[in-house]
PDB file of N, CA and C in Angstrom:
ATOM      1  N   MET A   1       0.947  -1.340   0.018  1.00  0.00           N
ATOM      2  CA  MET A   1      -0.231   0.118   0.192  1.00  0.00           C
ATOM      3  C   MET A   1       0.739   1.261   0.309  1.00  0.00           C
ATOM      4  N   ALA A   2       1.121   2.036  -0.698  1.00  0.00           N
ATOM      5  CA  ALA A   2       1.615   3.215  -1.148  1.00  0.00           C
ATOM      6  C   ALA A   2      -0.199   4.252  -1.018  1.00  0.00           C
ATOM      7  N   VAL A   3       0.940   5.551  -0.489  1.00  0.00           N
ATOM      8  CA  VAL A   3       0.468   7.254   0.245  1.00  0.00           C
ATOM      9  C   VAL A   3       1.429   8.139  -0.339  1.00  0.00           C
ATOM     10  N   PRO A   4       1.217   8.620  -0.951  1.00  0.00           N
ATOM     11  CA  PRO A   4       1.553  10.088  -2.044  1.00  0.00           C
ATOM     12  C   PRO A   4       2.204  10.861  -0.350  1.00  0.00           C
ATOM     13  N   THR A   5       2.303  11.666  -0.718  1.00  0.00           N
ATOM     14  CA  THR A   5       1.936  12.677   0.660  1.00  0.00           C
ATOM     15  C   THR A   5       3.451  14.266  -0.232  1.00  0.00           C
ATOM     16  N   SER A   6       2.817  15.578  -0.004  1.00  0.00           N
ATOM     17  CA  SER A   6       1.738  16.644  -1.086  1.00  0.00           C
ATOM     18  C   SER A   6       3.570  17.087  -0.324  1.00  0.00           C
ATOM     19  N   VAL A   7       4.027  17.099   1.055  1.00  0.00           N
ATOM     20  CA  VAL A   7       5.867  17.126   1.421  1.00  0.00           C
ATOM     21  C   VAL A   7       7.250  16.062   1.947  1.00  0.00           C
ATOM     22  N   ARG A   8       7.609  16.677   0.265  1.00  0.00           N
ATOM     23  CA  ARG A   8       9.220  15.869   1.036  1.00  0.00           C
ATOM     24  C   ARG A   8      10.651  16.469   0.760  1.00  0.00           C
ATOM     25  N   TYR A   9      10.920  16.499   0.231  1.00  0.00           N
ATOM     26  CA  TYR A   9      13.020  16.415   0.248  1.00  0.00           C
ATOM     27  C   TYR A   9      12.437  16.773  -0.798  1.00  0.00           C
ATOM     28  N   GLY A  10      12.814  17.928  -1.759  1.00  0.00           N
ATOM     29  CA  GLY A  10      13.491  18.723  -2.332  1.00  0.00           C
ATOM     30  C   GLY A  10      12.024  19.335  -3.664  1.00  0.00           C
ATOM     31  N   SER A  11      11.919  18.577  -4.820  1.00  0.00           N
ATOM     32  CA  SER A  11      10.813  18.727  -5.976  1.00  0.00           C
ATOM     33  C   SER A  11       9.562  17.961  -5.380  1.00  0.00           C
ATOM     34  N   SER A  12       8.851  17.887  -4.737  1.00  0.00           N
ATOM     35  CA  SER A  12       7.195  17.452  -5.215  1.00  0.00           C
ATOM     36  C   SER A  12       6.855  17.517  -5.868  1.00  0.00           C
ATOM     37  N   GLU A  13       6.613  18.895  -5.732  1.00  0.00           N
ATOM     38  CA  GLU A  13       5.114  18.989  -6.372  1.00  0.00           C
ATOM     39  C   GLU A  13       3.239  18.823  -6.308  1.00  0.00           C
ATOM     40  N   GLY A  14       3.356  18.872  -4.414  1.00  0.00           N
ATOM     41  CA  GLY A  14       2.679  19.057  -4.327  1.00  0.00           C
ATOM     42  C   GLY A  14       1.575  17.999  -4.129  1.00  0.00           C
ATOM     43  N   GLY A  15       2.740  16.471  -4.341  1.00  0.00           N
ATOM     44  CA  GLY A  15       3.011  15.519  -4.842  1.00  0.00           C
ATOM     45  C   GLY A  15       3.095  14.424  -5.960  1.00  0.00           C
ATOM     46  N   LEU A  16       1.887  15.135  -6.964  1.00  0.00           N
ATOM     47  CA  LEU A  16       2.628  14.618  -8.179  1.00  0.00           C
ATOM     48  C   LEU A  16       3.796  13.836  -8.676  1.00  0.00           C
ATOM     49  N   ALA A  17       4.983  13.693  -8.049  1.00  0.00           N
ATOM     50  CA  ALA A  17       5.434  13.069  -8.601  1.00  0.00           C
ATOM     51  C   ALA A  17       5.439  12.361  -7.471  1.00  0.00           C
ATOM     52  N   ALA A  18       6.250  12.274  -6.521  1.00  0.00           N
ATOM     53  CA  ALA A  18       5.840  10.581  -6.044  1.00  0.00           C
ATOM     54  C   ALA A  18       3.885   9.667  -6.419  1.00  0.00           C
ATOM     55  N   LEU A  19       2.971  10.320  -6.498  1.00  0.00           N
ATOM     56  CA  LEU A  19       1.672   9.730  -7.295  1.00  0.00           C
ATOM     57  C   LEU A  19       1.955   9.306  -8.283  1.00  0.00           C
ATOM     58  N   ALA A  20       2.986  10.037  -9.267  1.00  0.00           N
ATOM     59  CA  ALA A  20       3.589   9.629 -10.133  1.00  0.00           C
ATOM     60  C   ALA A  20       4.090   8.727 -10.763  1.00  0.00           C
ATOM     61  N   ALA A  21       5.277   8.657  -9.264  1.00  0.00           N
ATOM     62  CA  ALA A  21       6.052   7.220  -9.553  1.00  0.00           C
ATOM     63  C   ALA A  21       5.418   5.986  -9.600  1.00  0.00           C
ATOM     64  N   LEU A  22       4.836   6.282  -8.252  1.00  0.00           N
ATOM     65  CA  LEU A  22       3.616   4.733  -7.581  1.00  0.00           C
ATOM     66  C   LEU A  22       3.277   4.726  -8.479  1.00  0.00           C
ATOM     67  N   LEU A  23       2.096   5.014  -9.097  1.00  0.00           N
ATOM     68  CA  LEU A  23       1.313   4.932 -10.307  1.00  0.00           C
ATOM     69  C   LEU A  23       2.055   3.835 -11.336  1.00  0.00           C
ATOM     70  N   THR A  24       3.198   4.960 -11.354  1.00  0.00           N
ATOM     71  CA  THR A  24       4.669   3.949 -13.217  1.00  0.00           C
ATOM     72  C   THR A  24       5.348   3.166 -12.639  1.00  0.00           C
ATOM     73  N   SER A  25       5.774   2.732 -11.265  1.00  0.00           N
ATOM     74  CA  SER A  25       6.140   1.580 -11.352  1.00  0.00           C
ATOM     75  C   SER A  25       5.932  -0.058 -10.942  1.00  0.00           C
ATOM     76  N   GLY A  26       4.320  -0.462 -11.717  1.00  0.00           N
ATOM     77  CA  GLY A  26       3.862  -0.771 -12.532  1.00  0.00           C
ATOM     78  C   GLY A  26       3.730  -2.407 -11.775  1.00  0.00           C
ATOM     79  N   ALA A  27       4.097  -2.154  -9.966  1.00  0.00           N
ATOM     80  CA  ALA A  27       4.200  -3.742  -8.919  1.00  0.00           C
ATOM     81  C   ALA A  27       2.948  -4.287  -8.472  1.00  0.00           C
ATOM     82  N   PRO A  28       2.737  -5.274  -9.777  1.00  0.00           N
ATOM     83  CA  PRO A  28       1.884  -6.422  -8.513  1.00  0.00           C
ATOM     84  C   PRO A  28       1.625  -6.361  -7.484  1.00  0.00           C
ATOM     85  N   GLY A  29      -0.211  -6.473  -7.468  1.00  0.00           N
ATOM     86  CA  GLY A  29      -0.872  -5.623  -5.959  1.00  0.00           C
ATOM     87  C   GLY A  29       0.167  -5.094  -5.405  1.00  0.00           C
ATOM     88  N   LEU A  30       0.405  -3.585  -5.720  1.00  0.00           N
ATOM     89  CA  LEU A  30       0.344  -2.446  -5.088  1.00  0.00           C
ATOM     90  C   LEU A  30      -1.404  -2.113  -5.633  1.00  0.00           C
ATOM     91  N   ALA A  31      -1.205  -0.932  -4.099  1.00  0.00           N
ATOM     92  CA  ALA A  31      -2.660  -0.676  -4.154  1.00  0.00           C
ATOM     93  C   ALA A  31      -2.332   1.453  -4.480  1.00  0.00           C
ATOM     94  N   VAL A  32      -2.333   1.623  -4.436  1.00  0.00           N
ATOM     95  CA  VAL A  32      -2.278   3.010  -4.469  1.00  0.00           C
ATOM     96  C   VAL A  32      -3.701   4.079  -3.686  1.00  0.00           C
ATOM     97  N   THR A  33      -3.163   5.212  -3.428  1.00  0.00           N
ATOM     98  CA  THR A  33      -4.293   6.105  -3.022  1.00  0.00           C
ATOM     99  C   THR A  33      -3.802   7.323  -3.178  1.00  0.00           C
ATOM    100  N   GLY A  34      -4.907   8.590  -3.221  1.00  0.00           N
ATOM    101  CA  GLY A  34      -4.560   9.651  -3.635  1.00  0.00           C
ATOM    102  C   GLY A  34      -3.448  10.767  -2.656  1.00  0.00           C
ATOM    103  N   ILE A  35      -3.266  11.487  -3.367  1.00  0.00           N
ATOM    104  CA  ILE A  35      -1.944  12.140  -2.349  1.00  0.00           C
ATOM    105  C   ILE A  35      -2.694  12.739  -0.989  1.00  0.00           C
ATOM    106  N   ASP A  36      -1.853  12.353   0.300  1.00  0.00           N
ATOM    107  CA  ASP A  36      -2.381  12.938   1.104  1.00  0.00           C
ATOM    108  C   ASP A  36      -3.788  11.909   1.269  1.00  0.00           C
ATOM    109  N   ASP A  37      -3.923  10.627   1.743  1.00  0.00           N
ATOM    110  CA  ASP A  37      -4.909  10.022   1.053  1.00  0.00           C
ATOM    111  C   ASP A  37      -5.376   8.806   2.438  1.00  0.00           C
ATOM    112  N   GLY A  38      -5.271   9.967   3.734  1.00  0.00           N
ATOM    113  CA  GLY A  38      -4.638   8.547   5.170  1.00  0.00           C
ATOM    114  C   GLY A  38      -5.909   7.921   5.043  1.00  0.00           C
ATOM    115  N   LEU A  39      -7.007   8.194   4.963  1.00  0.00           N
ATOM    116  CA  LEU A  39      -8.472   8.525   5.936  1.00  0.00           C
ATOM    117  C   LEU A  39      -8.172   6.695   4.307  1.00  0.00           C
ATOM    118  N   GLY A  40      -8.668   7.264   2.911  1.00  0.00           N
ATOM    119  CA  GLY A  40      -8.316   6.167   1.775  1.00  0.00           C
ATOM    120  C   GLY A  40      -7.339   4.838   2.586  1.00  0.00           C
ATOM    121  N   ALA A  41      -6.395   5.041   2.947  1.00  0.00           N
ATOM    122  CA  ALA A  41      -5.153   3.841   3.091  1.00  0.00           C
ATOM    123  C   ALA A  41      -5.822   3.608   3.232  1.00  0.00           C
ATOM    124  N   ALA A  42      -6.289   3.841   5.262  1.00  0.00           N
ATOM    125  CA  ALA A  42      -6.933   3.266   6.181  1.00  0.00           C
ATOM    126  C   ALA A  42      -8.648   1.921   5.743  1.00  0.00           C
ATOM    127  N   VAL A  43      -8.761   2.716   5.048  1.00  0.00           N
ATOM    128  CA  VAL A  43     -10.531   1.759   4.826  1.00  0.00           C
ATOM    129  C   VAL A  43      -9.608   0.913   3.701  1.00  0.00           C
ATOM    130  N   LEU A  44      -9.256   1.174   3.339  1.00  0.00           N
ATOM    131  CA  LEU A  44      -8.635   0.157   1.818  1.00  0.00           C
ATOM    132  C   LEU A  44      -7.878  -0.867   2.713  1.00  0.00           C
ATOM    133  N   ALA A  45      -6.902  -0.658   3.774  1.00  0.00           N
ATOM    134  CA  ALA A  45      -6.365  -2.246   4.531  1.00  0.00           C
ATOM    135  C   ALA A  45      -7.163  -2.471   5.148  1.00  0.00           C
ATOM    136  N   ARG A  46      -8.359  -2.291   5.555  1.00  0.00           N
ATOM    137  CA  ARG A  46      -9.568  -2.647   6.657  1.00  0.00           C
ATOM    138  C   ARG A  46     -10.487  -3.445   5.257  1.00  0.00           C
ATOM    139  N   ARG A  47     -10.269  -3.648   4.043  1.00  0.00           N
ATOM    140  CA  ARG A  47     -11.488  -3.808   3.466  1.00  0.00           C
ATOM    141  C   ARG A  47     -10.004  -5.276   2.834  1.00  0.00           C
ATOM    142  N   LEU A  48      -8.560  -5.410   2.976  1.00  0.00           N
ATOM    143  CA  LEU A  48      -7.955  -6.219   2.669  1.00  0.00           C
ATOM    144  C   LEU A  48      -7.741  -7.124   3.816  1.00  0.00           C
ATOM    145  N   LEU A  49      -8.053  -6.571   4.873  1.00  0.00           N
ATOM    146  CA  LEU A  49      -8.252  -7.364   6.184  1.00  0.00           C
ATOM    147  C   LEU A  49      -9.413  -8.478   6.968  1.00  0.00           C
ATOM    148  N   THR A  50     -11.135  -7.800   6.135  1.00  0.00           N
ATOM    149  CA  THR A  50     -11.808  -8.284   6.219  1.00  0.00           C
ATOM    150  C   THR A  50     -12.487  -9.460   5.199  1.00  0.00           C
TER     151      THR A  50
END
């Protein structure tokens, strides 16, 4: 599970750089939420556990 954040070291472009990197990684089984979407990640984790 990956949650890109809008704040990081260097040029983050509001989280778009992290989001683009996660979406283009193509890793099987990777779930990506929106930028700064901790609640969405928690909901996804809950669904995976039940």
